[in-house]
Amino acid sequence: MPCLQELAAALTLHRLVAVLVCSSAGFRMMPAFVTTLCLLALLGSATATAQEDILRPRGAPTVTPWEEPTLPVLLGIEAGGNWNMASQTMGYSPFQPTNTPSRLFKSGSGFSPTFNVHADIGLTPQTGLVIHAGYDIKQWGNSGTVEADCQDLSNPTVVRVVPISAEWTFAAHYITLGAGLRYSPTPQLWLSGGFTAHFHRTNRQEEKYTVTDPAGNCGFVNPADGNLYRTLEVASEWNAPPVKSSRVGVELGAGYRIALGRKLWLIPRLQFQLLSTFREDLGPVQDLWKQFTEGPATVVQRDASQHSLQLLVGLWFGL
């Protein structure tokens, strides 16, 4: 029938053409039921056109299958410095000599380098498991002006107290391993905490004592050989024991992530290490610096502790 052909053309071409055809021919030339059918078809096509044009102006949406996001794995190379702080208790018997060099061993501080390699395995978008290995040098010392008995070099029976410039340093080298958690409350902020183990490799202690009184012609006694010295330098290495073969500790740190590229970051960090003791108690050993004017004494060095504040800069890569 003519109207049905026109209706088919309207559905495939443009709805406006169908409206014009039906209004010009169908209403006057065809029966009422065909006219009604034509109107219903045109109304349905108009409704479909409106829905297509208004609700879906770009066509039906496409559905993309959901995929679980992958968590990042980061690798980092880190270097920096330790500010080391050490202390111990000095127990004297039967008395404490006045201002002798041994008092300088009560505490010490110093700067030393450290190096680390890290792996950060993402657990959630904000947390990760951090594993690290490295090489850490702990060095500290102390210096000051103290006093000692000084024997005349030509007549050792003449003794007087003179000022002594004294200084010492102790350095211990460790291989380190550790693990902990990283939490990033923002994309830039980096908070971390965990445990570390230090395995002792070697150590060295250096001491230097110098008579600073230019007028005197005297020297102090070196207990090791009994000779008189105006300047004495001593270097020694401690065995294990008394030096501990390993240490454990806790690390707490904070850093800031600076983007250098799509998967490249510079991360400066500040970290505190609270470590177990590095050495067993020493002593009793003799303090003979004023053996002639005050008498000999003994001293025991107990409860040695050493902790570090680390400033680190790392270059991190995303895999």
Protein backbone atom coordinates (compact mmCIF):
# COMPACT_ATOMS: atom_id res chain seq x y z
CA MET A 1 0.00 0.00 0.00
CA PRO A 2 1.27 3.54 -0.74
CA CYS A 3 1.12 4.69 2.89
CA LEU A 4 3.07 1.66 4.20
CA GLN A 5 5.78 2.26 1.61
CA GLU A 6 5.96 5.88 2.67
CA LEU A 7 6.16 4.80 6.33
CA ALA A 8 9.11 2.48 5.59
CA ALA A 9 10.91 5.28 3.81
CA ALA A 10 10.29 7.61 6.74
CA LEU A 11 11.86 5.17 9.19
CA THR A 12 15.05 4.86 7.14
CA LEU A 13 15.45 8.38 5.81
CA HIS A 14 14.19 11.39 7.68
CA ARG A 15 11.09 11.69 9.90
CA LEU A 16 10.15 15.04 8.43
CA VAL A 17 9.64 13.49 4.97
CA ALA A 18 7.23 10.92 6.44
CA VAL A 19 5.22 13.63 8.12
CA LEU A 20 4.85 15.57 4.86
CA VAL A 21 3.86 12.45 2.85
CA CYS A 22 1.20 11.31 5.29
CA SER A 23 -0.27 14.75 5.66
CA SER A 24 -0.48 15.31 1.88
CA ALA A 25 -1.79 11.93 0.68
CA GLY A 26 -2.74 9.55 3.40
CA PHE A 27 -5.42 11.55 5.22
CA ARG A 28 -7.51 12.15 2.07
CA MET A 29 -7.06 8.97 0.02
CA MET A 30 -6.99 6.06 2.49
CA PRO A 31 -9.38 4.44 4.92
CA ALA A 32 -9.58 5.68 8.51
CA PHE A 33 -7.82 2.64 10.08
CA VAL A 34 -4.85 3.03 7.73
CA THR A 35 -4.68 6.70 8.52
CA THR A 36 -4.73 5.88 12.22
CA LEU A 37 -1.95 3.31 11.74
CA CYS A 38 0.13 5.84 9.85
CA LEU A 39 -0.28 8.42 12.62
CA LEU A 40 0.74 5.92 15.31
CA ALA A 41 3.80 4.89 13.34
CA LEU A 42 4.81 8.50 12.81
CA LEU A 43 4.28 9.27 16.49
CA GLY A 44 6.47 6.31 17.48
CA SER A 45 9.23 7.31 15.10
CA ALA A 46 9.11 10.88 16.40
CA THR A 47 9.42 9.64 19.98
CA ALA A 48 12.38 7.44 19.04
CA THR A 49 13.98 10.35 17.24
CA ALA A 50 13.58 12.58 20.29
CA GLN A 51 15.11 9.96 22.58
CA GLU A 52 18.01 9.38 20.21
CA ASP A 53 18.70 13.09 19.74
CA ILE A 54 18.27 14.24 23.33
CA LEU A 55 19.17 11.34 25.61
CA ARG A 56 21.90 9.82 23.43
CA PRO A 57 23.25 12.56 21.19
CA ARG A 58 26.37 10.47 20.45
CA GLY A 59 24.71 7.09 20.16
CA ALA A 60 24.45 4.23 22.65
CA PRO A 61 27.23 4.12 25.28
CA THR A 62 29.95 1.47 25.01
CA VAL A 63 30.69 -0.72 28.06
CA THR A 64 34.39 -1.24 28.91
CA PRO A 65 35.19 -4.39 30.93
CA TRP A 66 36.37 -3.57 34.50
CA GLU A 67 39.97 -4.40 35.30
CA GLU A 68 41.51 -4.44 38.78
CA PRO A 69 44.16 -1.67 39.01
CA THR A 70 47.75 -2.87 39.45
CA LEU A 71 49.68 -1.64 42.51
CA PRO A 72 53.05 0.03 41.85
CA VAL A 73 56.48 -1.46 42.52
CA LEU A 74 59.23 1.11 43.13
CA LEU A 75 63.02 0.73 43.26
CA GLY A 76 65.22 3.33 44.93
CA ILE A 77 68.91 4.17 45.35
CA GLU A 78 69.61 6.32 48.40
CA ALA A 79 72.62 8.08 49.93
CA GLY A 80 73.04 10.47 52.79
CA GLY A 81 74.59 11.14 56.16
CA ASN A 82 74.26 10.07 59.79
CA TRP A 83 74.42 12.43 62.71
CA ASN A 84 75.52 9.95 65.37
CA MET A 85 75.01 10.42 69.13
CA ALA A 86 76.67 8.11 71.66
CA SER A 87 76.89 7.96 75.44
CA GLN A 88 77.86 5.63 78.26
CA THR A 89 78.15 5.58 82.05
CA MET A 90 81.61 6.01 83.59
CA GLY A 91 81.92 4.29 86.98
CA TYR A 92 85.07 5.25 88.94
CA SER A 93 86.62 3.53 91.97
CA PRO A 94 87.69 4.38 94.65
CA PHE A 95 87.30 8.01 93.46
CA GLN A 96 86.91 10.03 90.26
CA PRO A 97 90.12 11.85 89.23
CA THR A 98 89.80 15.52 88.44
CA ASN A 99 89.36 16.41 84.76
CA THR A 100 91.40 13.58 83.23
CA PRO A 101 91.09 12.51 79.55
CA SER A 102 88.89 9.53 80.44
CA ARG A 103 85.95 11.86 81.10
CA LEU A 104 85.80 12.67 77.37
CA PHE A 105 84.71 9.08 76.66
CA LYS A 106 81.38 9.61 78.45
CA SER A 107 79.74 10.91 75.28
CA GLY A 108 80.46 11.66 71.67
CA SER A 109 78.93 12.69 68.36
CA GLY A 110 79.90 12.79 64.72
CA PHE A 111 78.90 12.68 61.07
CA SER A 112 79.31 9.69 58.73
CA PRO A 113 77.95 8.45 55.36
CA THR A 114 75.34 5.78 54.61
CA PHE A 115 74.08 4.09 51.41
CA ASN A 116 70.90 2.07 50.76
CA VAL A 117 69.02 0.20 48.02
CA HIS A 118 65.21 0.00 48.44
CA ALA A 119 62.25 -1.88 46.99
CA ASP A 120 58.71 -0.63 47.67
CA ILE A 121 55.94 -3.13 46.91
CA GLY A 122 52.47 -1.55 46.86
CA LEU A 123 49.90 -3.09 49.22
CA THR A 124 47.14 -0.51 48.73
CA PRO A 125 47.06 2.78 46.79
CA GLN A 126 48.46 4.50 49.91
CA THR A 127 50.66 1.86 51.58
CA GLY A 128 53.60 -0.32 50.65
CA LEU A 129 56.05 -2.87 52.00
CA VAL A 130 59.58 -1.46 51.96
CA ILE A 131 62.67 -3.71 51.96
CA HIS A 132 66.20 -2.29 52.02
CA ALA A 133 69.86 -3.28 52.17
CA GLY A 134 72.87 -1.04 52.55
CA TYR A 135 76.26 -0.12 53.96
CA ASP A 136 76.32 2.13 57.01
CA ILE A 137 79.26 3.77 58.79
CA LYS A 138 78.73 4.98 62.35
CA GLN A 139 81.42 7.39 63.53
CA TRP A 140 81.53 9.60 66.59
CA GLY A 141 84.05 11.14 68.97
CA ASN A 142 84.85 13.90 71.39
CA SER A 143 87.61 16.39 72.16
CA GLY A 144 88.56 18.94 74.79
CA THR A 145 91.21 20.29 77.10
CA VAL A 146 91.89 18.09 80.14
CA GLU A 147 94.71 17.63 82.66
CA ALA A 148 97.46 15.11 83.38
CA ASP A 149 100.56 14.67 85.50
CA CYS A 150 103.63 15.73 83.56
CA GLN A 151 107.09 14.40 84.56
CA ASP A 152 110.18 16.45 83.82
CA LEU A 153 112.06 14.81 80.95
CA SER A 154 115.46 15.39 82.59
CA ASN A 155 114.32 14.64 86.15
CA PRO A 156 111.20 12.38 86.28
CA THR A 157 110.83 12.95 90.02
CA VAL A 158 109.62 16.48 89.26
CA VAL A 159 105.91 16.28 88.51
CA ARG A 160 103.35 18.97 87.83
CA VAL A 161 99.82 19.10 86.38
CA VAL A 162 99.63 20.47 82.83
CA PRO A 163 96.80 20.97 80.31
CA ILE A 164 96.40 18.25 77.70
CA SER A 165 94.60 18.57 74.36
CA ALA A 166 92.78 15.27 73.87
CA GLU A 167 90.60 13.96 71.05
CA TRP A 168 89.26 10.56 70.01
CA THR A 169 87.06 9.05 67.29
CA PHE A 170 85.44 5.65 66.92
CA ALA A 171 84.12 4.33 63.59
CA ALA A 172 82.20 1.08 63.02
CA HIS A 173 81.23 -0.29 59.60
CA TYR A 174 78.03 -2.31 59.10
CA ILE A 175 76.10 -4.15 56.41
CA THR A 176 72.43 -3.40 56.99
CA LEU A 177 69.13 -5.09 56.21
CA GLY A 178 65.66 -3.86 57.04
CA ALA A 179 61.94 -3.97 56.35
CA GLY A 180 58.99 -1.76 57.18
CA LEU A 181 55.82 -0.09 55.98
CA ARG A 182 55.32 3.07 53.96
CA TYR A 183 52.19 5.23 54.25
CA SER A 184 51.41 8.11 51.87
CA PRO A 185 48.47 10.23 53.12
CA THR A 186 49.01 12.45 50.06
CA PRO A 187 50.74 11.70 46.74
CA GLN A 188 53.77 13.70 47.92
CA LEU A 189 54.08 12.87 51.64
CA TRP A 190 56.05 9.73 52.51
CA LEU A 191 55.90 8.28 56.07
CA SER A 192 57.78 5.12 57.00
CA GLY A 193 58.50 2.89 59.97
CA GLY A 194 60.15 -0.47 60.44
CA PHE A 195 63.05 -2.51 61.76
CA THR A 196 66.73 -2.66 60.86
CA ALA A 197 69.58 -5.07 61.55
CA HIS A 198 73.26 -4.01 61.49
CA PHE A 199 75.97 -6.65 60.96
CA HIS A 200 79.42 -5.54 62.13
CA ARG A 201 82.28 -5.65 59.60
CA THR A 202 85.16 -3.65 61.08
CA ASN A 203 85.93 -0.78 63.48
CA ARG A 204 88.73 1.56 64.41
CA GLN A 205 89.39 3.87 67.36
CA GLU A 206 91.92 6.70 67.15
CA GLU A 207 93.18 8.79 70.08
CA LYS A 208 95.53 11.75 70.23
CA TYR A 209 96.96 13.50 73.32
CA THR A 210 99.22 16.56 73.26
CA VAL A 211 100.81 18.63 76.04
CA THR A 212 99.76 22.21 75.33
CA ASP A 213 102.08 23.90 77.88
CA PRO A 214 104.89 25.34 75.71
CA ALA A 215 107.07 26.38 78.65
CA GLY A 216 107.41 22.97 80.25
CA ASN A 217 109.92 20.27 79.30
CA CYS A 218 107.87 17.35 80.53
CA GLY A 219 105.86 14.41 79.33
CA PHE A 220 102.98 12.21 80.48
CA VAL A 221 103.25 8.48 81.02
CA ASN A 222 101.85 6.07 78.44
CA PRO A 223 100.61 3.10 80.52
CA ALA A 224 101.08 0.77 77.54
CA ASP A 225 104.89 1.10 77.46
CA GLY A 226 105.78 3.27 80.51
CA ASN A 227 107.52 5.94 78.39
CA LEU A 228 107.03 9.71 78.56
CA TYR A 229 105.35 11.56 75.68
CA ARG A 230 104.50 15.13 74.87
CA THR A 231 102.35 13.94 71.95
CA LEU A 232 100.86 10.48 71.77
CA GLU A 233 98.73 8.99 68.99
CA VAL A 234 97.05 5.61 69.46
CA ALA A 235 95.04 3.59 66.93
CA SER A 236 93.29 0.35 67.84
CA GLU A 237 90.63 -2.06 66.64
CA TRP A 238 88.18 -3.72 68.99
CA ASN A 239 87.41 -7.39 68.64
CA ALA A 240 83.97 -8.97 68.93
CA PRO A 241 83.45 -9.16 71.87
CA PRO A 242 83.43 -6.57 73.37
CA VAL A 243 82.05 -5.05 70.14
CA LYS A 244 78.69 -6.62 69.24
CA SER A 245 78.68 -8.66 66.03
CA SER A 246 75.16 -7.43 65.24
CA ARG A 247 72.65 -4.82 66.34
CA VAL A 248 68.93 -4.30 65.82
CA GLY A 249 66.83 -1.19 65.93
CA VAL A 250 63.73 0.74 64.96
CA GLU A 251 63.52 3.30 62.14
CA LEU A 252 60.97 6.13 61.84
CA GLY A 253 61.07 8.58 58.96
CA ALA A 254 59.28 11.12 56.79
CA GLY A 255 59.97 12.22 53.23
CA TYR A 256 58.62 14.25 50.33
CA ARG A 257 58.19 12.89 46.81
CA ILE A 258 59.25 15.25 43.98
CA ALA A 259 58.25 14.12 40.49
CA LEU A 260 61.02 14.25 37.88
CA GLY A 261 59.17 12.26 35.22
CA ARG A 262 56.25 9.92 34.66
CA LYS A 263 57.90 7.14 36.72
CA LEU A 264 60.86 8.93 38.27
CA TRP A 265 60.95 10.68 41.67
CA LEU A 266 63.46 12.42 43.91
CA ILE A 267 62.65 11.71 47.58
CA PRO A 268 64.54 13.50 50.39
CA ARG A 269 63.92 11.85 53.76
CA LEU A 270 64.64 12.49 57.43
CA GLN A 271 64.88 9.34 59.53
CA PHE A 272 65.70 8.48 63.17
CA GLN A 273 67.32 5.18 64.16
CA LEU A 274 66.92 3.89 67.70
CA LEU A 275 69.53 1.11 67.98
CA SER A 276 70.58 -1.50 70.50
CA THR A 277 74.00 -1.27 72.18
CA PHE A 278 77.08 -1.63 69.98
CA ARG A 279 79.43 -2.89 72.71
CA GLU A 280 79.57 -4.82 75.95
CA ASP A 281 80.69 -3.17 79.19
CA LEU A 282 84.43 -2.41 79.42
CA GLY A 283 86.55 -2.58 82.52
CA PRO A 284 87.66 -2.09 85.03
CA VAL A 285 90.61 -0.28 83.43
CA GLN A 286 93.07 2.03 85.13
CA ASP A 287 93.00 5.81 84.96
CA LEU A 288 96.63 6.79 85.59
CA TRP A 289 96.60 10.31 84.19
CA LYS A 290 97.03 11.76 87.70
CA GLN A 291 98.58 8.81 89.48
CA PHE A 292 101.26 10.98 91.16
CA THR A 293 99.23 13.98 92.31
CA GLU A 294 95.88 12.30 93.09
CA GLY A 295 96.54 8.56 92.98
CA PRO A 296 95.49 5.73 90.64
CA ALA A 297 91.83 4.98 90.00
CA THR A 298 89.84 2.45 88.01
CA VAL A 299 86.93 3.06 85.70
CA VAL A 300 84.20 0.83 84.19
CA GLN A 301 82.43 1.90 81.00
CA ARG A 302 78.81 0.68 81.11
CA ASP A 303 75.58 0.88 79.09
CA ALA A 304 77.08 2.13 75.83
CA SER A 305 74.42 3.45 73.46
CA GLN A 306 74.46 5.03 70.03
CA HIS A 307 71.60 6.36 67.89
CA SER A 308 71.47 8.22 64.57
CA LEU A 309 69.52 10.94 62.82
CA GLN A 310 69.75 10.41 59.06
CA LEU A 311 69.30 12.88 56.20
CA LEU A 312 68.82 10.87 53.00
CA VAL A 313 68.20 11.65 49.34
CA GLY A 314 66.91 8.90 47.04
CA LEU A 315 66.26 8.47 43.34
CA TRP A 316 63.23 6.19 42.85
CA PHE A 317 61.98 4.40 39.71
CA GLY A 318 58.54 2.98 39.01
CA LEU A 319 58.23 -0.42 37.33
